[in-house]
């Protein structure tokens, strides 16, 4: 069995009860090159090797050849993660239906170290500071108790022969669902860029990282270019570049200059993180 085929139906566990597995795929790096050479015309093959061509395409954002490769995944995930996931509207999805089938008694319960305070800078995310252990244990027990109560209610409604489509409506967002998800490589790389980033919620990040592991052996040249030009690259705003110019001319900016350049709060913190990343290279 080839290295690429080894990943077919290989299941990666995610969170406490979820998983992602690659069901099938169409195309690989060679399909991208083939599509690109059709549009570039004769003679390209003798000038540019596959690796250089793929890197050129990604570097210059010529994305249509990457749409020639497709992946189909089977994913089990909490509903609140699924609702973030479907924000990416460039895929085909077929999800488990609570209208036709009974929902399973499976709910996501966070690991204790994931119970953290609200971020002071990011209004939609948890911060770095963990809750005290005693509080965390109490919160987890309360979460599980609520899940048990709501699922017992769900079973009560079913026992009364209430329609499944109505019986399910009080189930929480932590309930697990499943779907088949098919997407082309161009849009998958966009998904990975956003969902592997540190800004993304931890739970969806877990799935994105596993998906990346699954596709890497199938499109290794593309994935390396993606790492080089997207994941490990940096972009700078006009204000940030003006500050960098000052630094390069040995004029170290103080806080007043940074503020004058429009860099403050979260934007300033992200800029400093970029500088730290540059220094660590």
C-alpha atoms as a PDB file:
ATOM      1  CA  UNK A   1       0.000   0.000   0.000  1.00  0.00           C
ATOM      2  CA  UNK A   2       1.340   3.440  -0.962  1.00  0.00           C
ATOM      3  CA  UNK A   3       2.086   6.051   1.677  1.00  0.00           C
ATOM      4  CA  UNK A   4      -0.828   8.124   0.372  1.00  0.00           C
ATOM      5  CA  UNK A   5      -3.363   5.293   0.579  1.00  0.00           C
ATOM      6  CA  UNK A   6      -2.344   4.510   4.182  1.00  0.00           C
ATOM      7  CA  UNK A   7      -4.311   7.529   5.353  1.00  0.00           C
ATOM      8  CA  UNK A   8      -7.596   6.359   3.840  1.00  0.00           C
ATOM      9  CA  UNK A   9      -9.993   5.506   6.707  1.00  0.00           C
ATOM     10  CA  UNK A  10      -7.277   6.262   9.256  1.00  0.00           C
ATOM     11  CA  UNK A  11      -9.141   7.700  12.245  1.00  0.00           C
ATOM     12  CA  UNK A  12      -7.694  10.427  14.444  1.00  0.00           C
ATOM     13  CA  UNK A  13      -9.314  10.872  17.853  1.00  0.00           C
ATOM     14  CA  UNK A  14     -10.329  14.479  18.611  1.00  0.00           C
ATOM     15  CA  UNK A  15     -11.410  15.949  21.957  1.00  0.00           C
ATOM     16  CA  UNK A  16     -13.056  13.469  24.345  1.00  0.00           C
ATOM     17  CA  UNK A  17     -15.404  11.568  21.993  1.00  0.00           C
ATOM     18  CA  UNK A  18     -14.831  12.955  18.494  1.00  0.00           C
ATOM     19  CA  UNK A  19     -12.766  11.927  15.497  1.00  0.00           C
ATOM     20  CA  UNK A  20     -11.843  12.801  11.931  1.00  0.00           C
ATOM     21  CA  UNK A  21     -10.992  10.302   9.214  1.00  0.00           C
ATOM     22  CA  UNK A  22     -10.185  10.660   5.545  1.00  0.00           C
ATOM     23  CA  UNK A  23     -12.765   8.702   3.548  1.00  0.00           C
ATOM     24  CA  UNK A  24     -11.466   9.397   0.042  1.00  0.00           C
ATOM     25  CA  UNK A  25      -9.564  11.886  -2.092  1.00  0.00           C
ATOM     26  CA  UNK A  26      -9.129  12.799  -5.747  1.00  0.00           C
ATOM     27  CA  UNK A  27      -5.815  14.093  -7.101  1.00  0.00           C
ATOM     28  CA  UNK A  28      -2.475  15.028  -5.553  1.00  0.00           C
ATOM     29  CA  UNK A  29       0.430  17.383  -6.296  1.00  0.00           C
ATOM     30  CA  UNK A  30       0.655  16.066  -9.863  1.00  0.00           C
ATOM     31  CA  UNK A  31      -2.992  17.020 -10.525  1.00  0.00           C
ATOM     32  CA  UNK A  32      -2.197  20.618  -9.548  1.00  0.00           C
ATOM     33  CA  UNK A  33       0.800  20.717 -11.872  1.00  0.00           C
ATOM     34  CA  UNK A  34      -1.197  19.141 -14.700  1.00  0.00           C
ATOM     35  CA  UNK A  35      -3.972  21.735 -14.381  1.00  0.00           C
ATOM     36  CA  UNK A  36      -1.491  24.610 -14.191  1.00  0.00           C
ATOM     37  CA  UNK A  37       0.379  23.499 -17.313  1.00  0.00           C
ATOM     38  CA  UNK A  38      -2.840  23.382 -19.291  1.00  0.00           C
ATOM     39  CA  UNK A  39      -3.419  27.051 -18.547  1.00  0.00           C
ATOM     40  CA  UNK A  40       0.225  28.091 -18.966  1.00  0.00           C
ATOM     41  CA  UNK A  41       0.596  26.319 -22.292  1.00  0.00           C
ATOM     42  CA  UNK A  42       3.395  24.277 -23.893  1.00  0.00           C
ATOM     43  CA  UNK A  43       6.956  24.335 -22.773  1.00  0.00           C
ATOM     44  CA  UNK A  44       6.447  25.014 -19.062  1.00  0.00           C
ATOM     45  CA  UNK A  45       7.377  21.491 -18.055  1.00  0.00           C
ATOM     46  CA  UNK A  46      10.865  21.785 -19.469  1.00  0.00           C
ATOM     47  CA  UNK A  47      11.453  25.051 -17.621  1.00  0.00           C
ATOM     48  CA  UNK A  48       9.879  24.552 -14.222  1.00  0.00           C
ATOM     49  CA  UNK A  49       9.962  21.453 -12.061  1.00  0.00           C
ATOM     50  CA  UNK A  50       6.827  20.419 -10.169  1.00  0.00           C
ATOM     51  CA  UNK A  51       8.021  21.752  -6.837  1.00  0.00           C
ATOM     52  CA  UNK A  52       8.973  25.167  -8.195  1.00  0.00           C
ATOM     53  CA  UNK A  53       5.717  25.457 -10.106  1.00  0.00           C
ATOM     54  CA  UNK A  54       3.577  24.613  -7.050  1.00  0.00           C
ATOM     55  CA  UNK A  55       5.505  27.076  -4.917  1.00  0.00           C
ATOM     56  CA  UNK A  56       5.138  29.761  -7.579  1.00  0.00           C
ATOM     57  CA  UNK A  57       1.386  29.170  -7.782  1.00  0.00           C
ATOM     58  CA  UNK A  58       0.903  29.427  -4.027  1.00  0.00           C
ATOM     59  CA  UNK A  59       3.296  32.330  -3.602  1.00  0.00           C
ATOM     60  CA  UNK A  60       1.499  34.375  -6.240  1.00  0.00           C
ATOM     61  CA  UNK A  61      -1.981  33.202  -5.204  1.00  0.00           C
ATOM     62  CA  UNK A  62      -2.841  31.457  -8.455  1.00  0.00           C
ATOM     63  CA  UNK A  63      -5.348  29.245  -6.692  1.00  0.00           C
ATOM     64  CA  UNK A  64      -7.513  27.583  -9.346  1.00  0.00           C
ATOM     65  CA  UNK A  65      -5.133  24.614  -9.989  1.00  0.00           C
ATOM     66  CA  UNK A  66      -5.452  23.652  -6.310  1.00  0.00           C
ATOM     67  CA  UNK A  67      -9.199  23.242  -6.807  1.00  0.00           C
ATOM     68  CA  UNK A  68      -8.448  20.141  -8.932  1.00  0.00           C
ATOM     69  CA  UNK A  69      -7.719  18.169  -5.725  1.00  0.00           C
ATOM     70  CA  UNK A  70     -10.575  17.145  -3.412  1.00  0.00           C
ATOM     71  CA  UNK A  71     -10.833  15.443  -0.022  1.00  0.00           C
ATOM     72  CA  UNK A  72     -13.788  13.789   1.713  1.00  0.00           C
ATOM     73  CA  UNK A  73     -13.768  13.438   5.503  1.00  0.00           C
ATOM     74  CA  UNK A  74     -15.998  11.743   8.067  1.00  0.00           C
ATOM     75  CA  UNK A  75     -16.084  13.904  11.194  1.00  0.00           C
ATOM     76  CA  UNK A  76     -17.629  13.462  14.643  1.00  0.00           C
ATOM     77  CA  UNK A  77     -17.730  16.764  16.497  1.00  0.00           C
ATOM     78  CA  UNK A  78     -19.718  18.797  19.058  1.00  0.00           C
ATOM     79  CA  UNK A  79     -22.499  20.894  17.554  1.00  0.00           C
ATOM     80  CA  UNK A  80     -20.938  24.190  18.677  1.00  0.00           C
ATOM     81  CA  UNK A  81     -17.767  23.274  16.738  1.00  0.00           C
ATOM     82  CA  UNK A  82     -19.900  22.290  13.733  1.00  0.00           C
ATOM     83  CA  UNK A  83     -21.581  25.703  13.762  1.00  0.00           C
ATOM     84  CA  UNK A  84     -18.170  27.404  13.523  1.00  0.00           C
ATOM     85  CA  UNK A  85     -17.098  24.927  10.847  1.00  0.00           C
ATOM     86  CA  UNK A  86     -20.005  25.685   8.501  1.00  0.00           C
ATOM     87  CA  UNK A  87     -18.958  29.316   8.359  1.00  0.00           C
ATOM     88  CA  UNK A  88     -16.727  27.941   5.593  1.00  0.00           C
ATOM     89  CA  UNK A  89     -19.378  27.788   2.892  1.00  0.00           C
ATOM     90  CA  UNK A  90     -17.133  26.341   0.202  1.00  0.00           C
ATOM     91  CA  UNK A  91     -17.700  22.634   0.923  1.00  0.00           C
ATOM     92  CA  UNK A  92     -20.332  19.911   0.598  1.00  0.00           C
ATOM     93  CA  UNK A  93     -21.826  18.565   3.838  1.00  0.00           C
ATOM     94  CA  UNK A  94     -24.180  15.745   4.731  1.00  0.00           C
ATOM     95  CA  UNK A  95     -24.902  15.706   8.474  1.00  0.00           C
ATOM     96  CA  UNK A  96     -26.449  13.186  10.862  1.00  0.00           C
ATOM     97  CA  UNK A  97     -30.140  14.040  11.195  1.00  0.00           C
ATOM     98  CA  UNK A  98     -31.936  14.270  14.519  1.00  0.00           C
ATOM     99  CA  UNK A  99     -35.220  14.264  12.597  1.00  0.00           C
ATOM    100  CA  UNK A 100     -34.672  10.779  11.162  1.00  0.00           C
ATOM    101  CA  UNK A 101     -32.528   9.204  13.881  1.00  0.00           C
ATOM    102  CA  UNK A 102     -32.340   9.358  17.652  1.00  0.00           C
ATOM    103  CA  UNK A 103     -29.531  11.476  19.050  1.00  0.00           C
ATOM    104  CA  UNK A 104     -26.840   9.660  21.013  1.00  0.00           C
ATOM    105  CA  UNK A 105     -26.065  10.254  24.672  1.00  0.00           C
ATOM    106  CA  UNK A 106     -22.708  11.827  23.846  1.00  0.00           C
ATOM    107  CA  UNK A 107     -21.674  15.278  24.972  1.00  0.00           C
ATOM    108  CA  UNK A 108     -18.421  17.196  24.909  1.00  0.00           C
ATOM    109  CA  UNK A 109     -16.893  17.879  28.302  1.00  0.00           C
ATOM    110  CA  UNK A 110     -13.776  20.113  28.255  1.00  0.00           C
ATOM    111  CA  UNK A 111     -10.552  18.997  29.869  1.00  0.00           C
ATOM    112  CA  UNK A 112      -9.998  20.727  33.173  1.00  0.00           C
ATOM    113  CA  UNK A 113      -6.995  22.733  31.932  1.00  0.00           C
ATOM    114  CA  UNK A 114      -9.196  24.247  29.205  1.00  0.00           C
ATOM    115  CA  UNK A 115     -11.418  25.996  31.771  1.00  0.00           C
ATOM    116  CA  UNK A 116      -9.994  29.501  31.714  1.00  0.00           C
ATOM    117  CA  UNK A 117     -10.976  33.087  32.324  1.00  0.00           C
ATOM    118  CA  UNK A 118     -12.299  35.289  29.528  1.00  0.00           C
ATOM    119  CA  UNK A 119      -9.524  36.983  27.551  1.00  0.00           C
ATOM    120  CA  UNK A 120      -9.054  40.654  28.408  1.00  0.00           C
ATOM    121  CA  UNK A 121      -8.005  41.476  24.827  1.00  0.00           C
ATOM    122  CA  UNK A 122     -10.126  39.126  22.706  1.00  0.00           C
ATOM    123  CA  UNK A 123     -13.857  39.370  23.409  1.00  0.00           C
ATOM    124  CA  UNK A 124     -14.601  36.031  21.732  1.00  0.00           C
ATOM    125  CA  UNK A 125     -11.926  33.844  23.336  1.00  0.00           C
ATOM    126  CA  UNK A 126     -10.634  32.366  26.567  1.00  0.00           C
ATOM    127  CA  UNK A 127      -7.461  33.784  28.057  1.00  0.00           C
ATOM    128  CA  UNK A 128      -4.321  32.046  29.280  1.00  0.00           C
ATOM    129  CA  UNK A 129      -5.204  32.060  32.985  1.00  0.00           C
ATOM    130  CA  UNK A 130      -6.790  28.820  34.202  1.00  0.00           C
ATOM    131  CA  UNK A 131      -9.582  28.791  36.759  1.00  0.00           C
ATOM    132  CA  UNK A 132      -8.743  27.501  40.252  1.00  0.00           C
ATOM    133  CA  UNK A 133      -8.914  23.702  40.327  1.00  0.00           C
ATOM    134  CA  UNK A 134     -11.733  23.583  42.899  1.00  0.00           C
ATOM    135  CA  UNK A 135     -13.885  25.896  40.767  1.00  0.00           C
ATOM    136  CA  UNK A 136     -13.049  23.933  37.610  1.00  0.00           C
ATOM    137  CA  UNK A 137     -14.138  20.629  39.160  1.00  0.00           C
ATOM    138  CA  UNK A 138     -17.415  22.176  40.307  1.00  0.00           C
ATOM    139  CA  UNK A 139     -18.053  23.654  36.841  1.00  0.00           C
ATOM    140  CA  UNK A 140     -17.392  20.339  35.082  1.00  0.00           C
ATOM    141  CA  UNK A 141     -19.771  18.526  37.439  1.00  0.00           C
ATOM    142  CA  UNK A 142     -22.443  21.146  36.799  1.00  0.00           C
ATOM    143  CA  UNK A 143     -21.961  20.845  33.014  1.00  0.00           C
ATOM    144  CA  UNK A 144     -22.287  17.054  33.123  1.00  0.00           C
ATOM    145  CA  UNK A 145     -25.319  17.249  35.397  1.00  0.00           C
ATOM    146  CA  UNK A 146     -27.088  19.622  32.989  1.00  0.00           C
ATOM    147  CA  UNK A 147     -26.255  17.333  30.058  1.00  0.00           C
ATOM    148  CA  UNK A 148     -27.697  14.327  31.917  1.00  0.00           C
ATOM    149  CA  UNK A 149     -30.889  16.215  32.772  1.00  0.00           C
ATOM    150  CA  UNK A 150     -31.414  17.415  29.207  1.00  0.00           C
ATOM    151  CA  UNK A 151     -30.793  13.982  27.689  1.00  0.00           C
ATOM    152  CA  UNK A 152     -33.185  12.394  30.203  1.00  0.00           C
ATOM    153  CA  UNK A 153     -35.790  14.955  29.117  1.00  0.00           C
ATOM    154  CA  UNK A 154     -35.079  14.065  25.478  1.00  0.00           C
ATOM    155  CA  UNK A 155     -35.687  10.365  26.206  1.00  0.00           C
ATOM    156  CA  UNK A 156     -38.883  11.293  28.102  1.00  0.00           C
ATOM    157  CA  UNK A 157     -40.218  13.145  25.031  1.00  0.00           C
ATOM    158  CA  UNK A 158     -39.388  10.177  22.793  1.00  0.00           C
ATOM    159  CA  UNK A 159     -41.142   7.811  25.198  1.00  0.00           C
ATOM    160  CA  UNK A 160     -44.263  10.009  24.877  1.00  0.00           C
ATOM    161  CA  UNK A 161     -43.989   9.541  21.087  1.00  0.00           C
ATOM    162  CA  UNK A 162     -43.243  13.219  20.538  1.00  0.00           C
ATOM    163  CA  UNK A 163     -41.745  13.651  17.046  1.00  0.00           C
ATOM    164  CA  UNK A 164     -37.963  13.324  16.991  1.00  0.00           C
ATOM    165  CA  UNK A 165     -37.642  16.713  15.289  1.00  0.00           C
ATOM    166  CA  UNK A 166     -39.277  18.324  18.362  1.00  0.00           C
ATOM    167  CA  UNK A 167     -37.818  16.043  21.036  1.00  0.00           C
ATOM    168  CA  UNK A 168     -34.280  17.174  20.154  1.00  0.00           C
ATOM    169  CA  UNK A 169     -34.773  20.942  20.335  1.00  0.00           C
ATOM    170  CA  UNK A 170     -33.645  21.356  23.964  1.00  0.00           C
ATOM    171  CA  UNK A 171     -30.431  19.365  23.565  1.00  0.00           C
ATOM    172  CA  UNK A 172     -27.336  21.521  24.217  1.00  0.00           C
ATOM    173  CA  UNK A 173     -24.633  22.674  21.792  1.00  0.00           C
ATOM    174  CA  UNK A 174     -22.237  20.219  23.449  1.00  0.00           C
ATOM    175  CA  UNK A 175     -24.138  17.296  21.849  1.00  0.00           C
ATOM    176  CA  UNK A 176     -22.021  15.369  19.349  1.00  0.00           C
ATOM    177  CA  UNK A 177     -23.045  15.180  15.702  1.00  0.00           C
ATOM    178  CA  UNK A 178     -21.425  13.584  12.632  1.00  0.00           C
ATOM    179  CA  UNK A 179     -21.059  14.527   8.996  1.00  0.00           C
ATOM    180  CA  UNK A 180     -19.332  13.849   5.721  1.00  0.00           C
ATOM    181  CA  UNK A 181     -17.423  16.911   4.531  1.00  0.00           C
ATOM    182  CA  UNK A 182     -16.027  17.246   0.986  1.00  0.00           C
ATOM    183  CA  UNK A 183     -13.850  20.185  -0.034  1.00  0.00           C
ATOM    184  CA  UNK A 184     -11.262  21.116  -2.653  1.00  0.00           C
ATOM    185  CA  UNK A 185      -7.654  21.763  -1.651  1.00  0.00           C
ATOM    186  CA  UNK A 186      -7.704  25.523  -2.276  1.00  0.00           C
ATOM    187  CA  UNK A 187     -10.595  26.030   0.145  1.00  0.00           C
ATOM    188  CA  UNK A 188      -9.227  23.440   2.567  1.00  0.00           C
ATOM    189  CA  UNK A 189      -5.957  25.381   2.854  1.00  0.00           C
ATOM    190  CA  UNK A 190      -7.999  28.501   3.601  1.00  0.00           C
ATOM    191  CA  UNK A 191      -9.850  26.547   6.321  1.00  0.00           C
ATOM    192  CA  UNK A 192      -6.549  25.334   7.798  1.00  0.00           C
ATOM    193  CA  UNK A 193      -4.998  28.797   7.709  1.00  0.00           C
ATOM    194  CA  UNK A 194      -7.821  30.164   9.847  1.00  0.00           C
ATOM    195  CA  UNK A 195      -8.546  27.175  12.066  1.00  0.00           C
ATOM    196  CA  UNK A 196      -4.966  26.179  12.941  1.00  0.00           C
ATOM    197  CA  UNK A 197      -4.165  29.753  13.912  1.00  0.00           C
ATOM    198  CA  UNK A 198      -3.789  30.548  17.621  1.00  0.00           C
ATOM    199  CA  UNK A 199      -6.794  32.908  17.388  1.00  0.00           C
ATOM    200  CA  UNK A 200      -9.090  29.963  16.554  1.00  0.00           C
ATOM    201  CA  UNK A 201     -11.026  28.244  19.333  1.00  0.00           C
ATOM    202  CA  UNK A 202      -9.081  25.337  20.821  1.00  0.00           C
ATOM    203  CA  UNK A 203     -11.713  22.727  19.991  1.00  0.00           C
ATOM    204  CA  UNK A 204     -11.841  23.424  16.238  1.00  0.00           C
ATOM    205  CA  UNK A 205      -8.058  23.824  16.186  1.00  0.00           C
ATOM    206  CA  UNK A 206      -7.731  20.201  17.315  1.00  0.00           C
ATOM    207  CA  UNK A 207      -9.670  19.028  14.241  1.00  0.00           C
ATOM    208  CA  UNK A 208      -7.796  21.321  11.847  1.00  0.00           C
ATOM    209  CA  UNK A 209      -4.424  20.020  13.038  1.00  0.00           C
ATOM    210  CA  UNK A 210      -5.512  16.400  12.521  1.00  0.00           C
ATOM    211  CA  UNK A 211      -6.830  17.166   9.037  1.00  0.00           C
ATOM    212  CA  UNK A 212      -3.473  18.742   8.188  1.00  0.00           C
ATOM    213  CA  UNK A 213      -1.724  15.517   9.251  1.00  0.00           C
ATOM    214  CA  UNK A 214      -4.042  13.499   7.009  1.00  0.00           C
ATOM    215  CA  UNK A 215      -3.500  15.524   3.834  1.00  0.00           C
ATOM    216  CA  UNK A 216       0.250  16.155   4.224  1.00  0.00           C
ATOM    217  CA  UNK A 217       1.377  12.770   2.748  1.00  0.00           C
ATOM    218  CA  UNK A 218      -1.010  13.190  -0.202  1.00  0.00           C
ATOM    219  CA  UNK A 219       0.058  16.700  -1.248  1.00  0.00           C
ATOM    220  CA  UNK A 220       3.521  17.046   0.360  1.00  0.00           C
ATOM    221  CA  UNK A 221       4.852  19.689  -2.056  1.00  0.00           C
ATOM    222  CA  UNK A 222       1.747  21.827  -1.657  1.00  0.00           C
ATOM    223  CA  UNK A 223       1.688  21.409   2.099  1.00  0.00           C
ATOM    224  CA  UNK A 224       5.332  22.483   2.425  1.00  0.00           C
ATOM    225  CA  UNK A 225       4.645  25.553   0.285  1.00  0.00           C
ATOM    226  CA  UNK A 226       1.579  26.279   2.432  1.00  0.00           C
ATOM    227  CA  UNK A 227       3.761  26.110   5.551  1.00  0.00           C
ATOM    228  CA  UNK A 228       6.399  28.383   4.019  1.00  0.00           C
ATOM    229  CA  UNK A 229       4.195  31.016   2.410  1.00  0.00           C
ATOM    230  CA  UNK A 230       1.121  30.997   4.642  1.00  0.00           C
ATOM    231  CA  UNK A 231       1.529  29.379   8.072  1.00  0.00           C
ATOM    232  CA  UNK A 232       5.050  30.622   8.859  1.00  0.00           C
ATOM    233  CA  UNK A 233       4.895  33.866   6.912  1.00  0.00           C
ATOM    234  CA  UNK A 234       4.039  37.277   8.299  1.00  0.00           C
ATOM    235  CA  UNK A 235       2.140  40.222   6.887  1.00  0.00           C
ATOM    236  CA  UNK A 236       2.496  43.804   8.043  1.00  0.00           C
ATOM    237  CA  UNK A 237       0.094  46.724   7.939  1.00  0.00           C
ATOM    238  CA  UNK A 238       1.165  50.067   6.516  1.00  0.00           C
ATOM    239  CA  UNK A 239       1.535  51.431  10.067  1.00  0.00           C
ATOM    240  CA  UNK A 240       3.672  48.477  11.140  1.00  0.00           C
ATOM    241  CA  UNK A 241       5.917  48.834   8.106  1.00  0.00           C
ATOM    242  CA  UNK A 242       6.485  52.497   8.869  1.00  0.00           C
ATOM    243  CA  UNK A 243       7.630  51.553  12.378  1.00  0.00           C
ATOM    244  CA  UNK A 244       9.922  48.850  10.950  1.00  0.00           C
ATOM    245  CA  UNK A 245      11.501  51.463   8.696  1.00  0.00           C
ATOM    246  CA  UNK A 246      12.263  53.565  11.763  1.00  0.00           C
ATOM    247  CA  UNK A 247      13.821  50.582  13.505  1.00  0.00           C
ATOM    248  CA  UNK A 248      15.948  49.766  10.480  1.00  0.00           C
ATOM    249  CA  UNK A 249      17.278  53.322  10.532  1.00  0.00           C
ATOM    250  CA  UNK A 250      18.243  52.800  14.205  1.00  0.00           C
ATOM    251  CA  UNK A 251      15.464  55.056  15.450  1.00  0.00           C
ATOM    252  CA  UNK A 252      13.920  52.859  18.139  1.00  0.00           C
ATOM    253  CA  UNK A 253      10.306  53.970  18.591  1.00  0.00           C
ATOM    254  CA  UNK A 254       8.863  54.680  22.018  1.00  0.00           C
ATOM    255  CA  UNK A 255       5.217  54.220  23.034  1.00  0.00           C
ATOM    256  CA  UNK A 256       4.254  57.725  21.861  1.00  0.00           C
ATOM    257  CA  UNK A 257       5.514  57.035  18.340  1.00  0.00           C
ATOM    258  CA  UNK A 258       3.759  53.658  18.262  1.00  0.00           C
ATOM    259  CA  UNK A 259       0.516  55.305  19.350  1.00  0.00           C
ATOM    260  CA  UNK A 260       0.949  58.023  16.726  1.00  0.00           C
ATOM    261  CA  UNK A 261       1.366  55.317  14.079  1.00  0.00           C
ATOM    262  CA  UNK A 262      -1.979  53.838  15.134  1.00  0.00           C
ATOM    263  CA  UNK A 263      -0.566  50.818  16.962  1.00  0.00           C
ATOM    264  CA  UNK A 264      -2.172  50.197  20.342  1.00  0.00           C
ATOM    265  CA  UNK A 265      -4.102  47.568  22.306  1.00  0.00           C
ATOM    266  CA  UNK A 266      -4.463  44.162  20.675  1.00  0.00           C
ATOM    267  CA  UNK A 267      -2.977  45.391  17.389  1.00  0.00           C
ATOM    268  CA  UNK A 268       0.175  46.519  19.204  1.00  0.00           C
ATOM    269  CA  UNK A 269       0.408  43.188  21.038  1.00  0.00           C
ATOM    270  CA  UNK A 270       0.143  41.268  17.746  1.00  0.00           C
ATOM    271  CA  UNK A 271       2.803  43.505  16.204  1.00  0.00           C
ATOM    272  CA  UNK A 272       5.192  42.777  19.080  1.00  0.00           C
ATOM    273  CA  UNK A 273       4.517  39.060  18.658  1.00  0.00           C
ATOM    274  CA  UNK A 274       5.492  39.358  14.993  1.00  0.00           C
ATOM    275  CA  UNK A 275       8.737  41.052  15.968  1.00  0.00           C
ATOM    276  CA  UNK A 276       9.475  38.293  18.485  1.00  0.00           C
ATOM    277  CA  UNK A 277       8.834  35.742  15.751  1.00  0.00           C
ATOM    278  CA  UNK A 278      11.269  37.558  13.483  1.00  0.00           C
ATOM    279  CA  UNK A 279      13.938  37.607  16.202  1.00  0.00           C
ATOM    280  CA  UNK A 280      13.552  33.891  16.845  1.00  0.00           C
ATOM    281  CA  UNK A 281      14.172  32.936  13.200  1.00  0.00           C
END
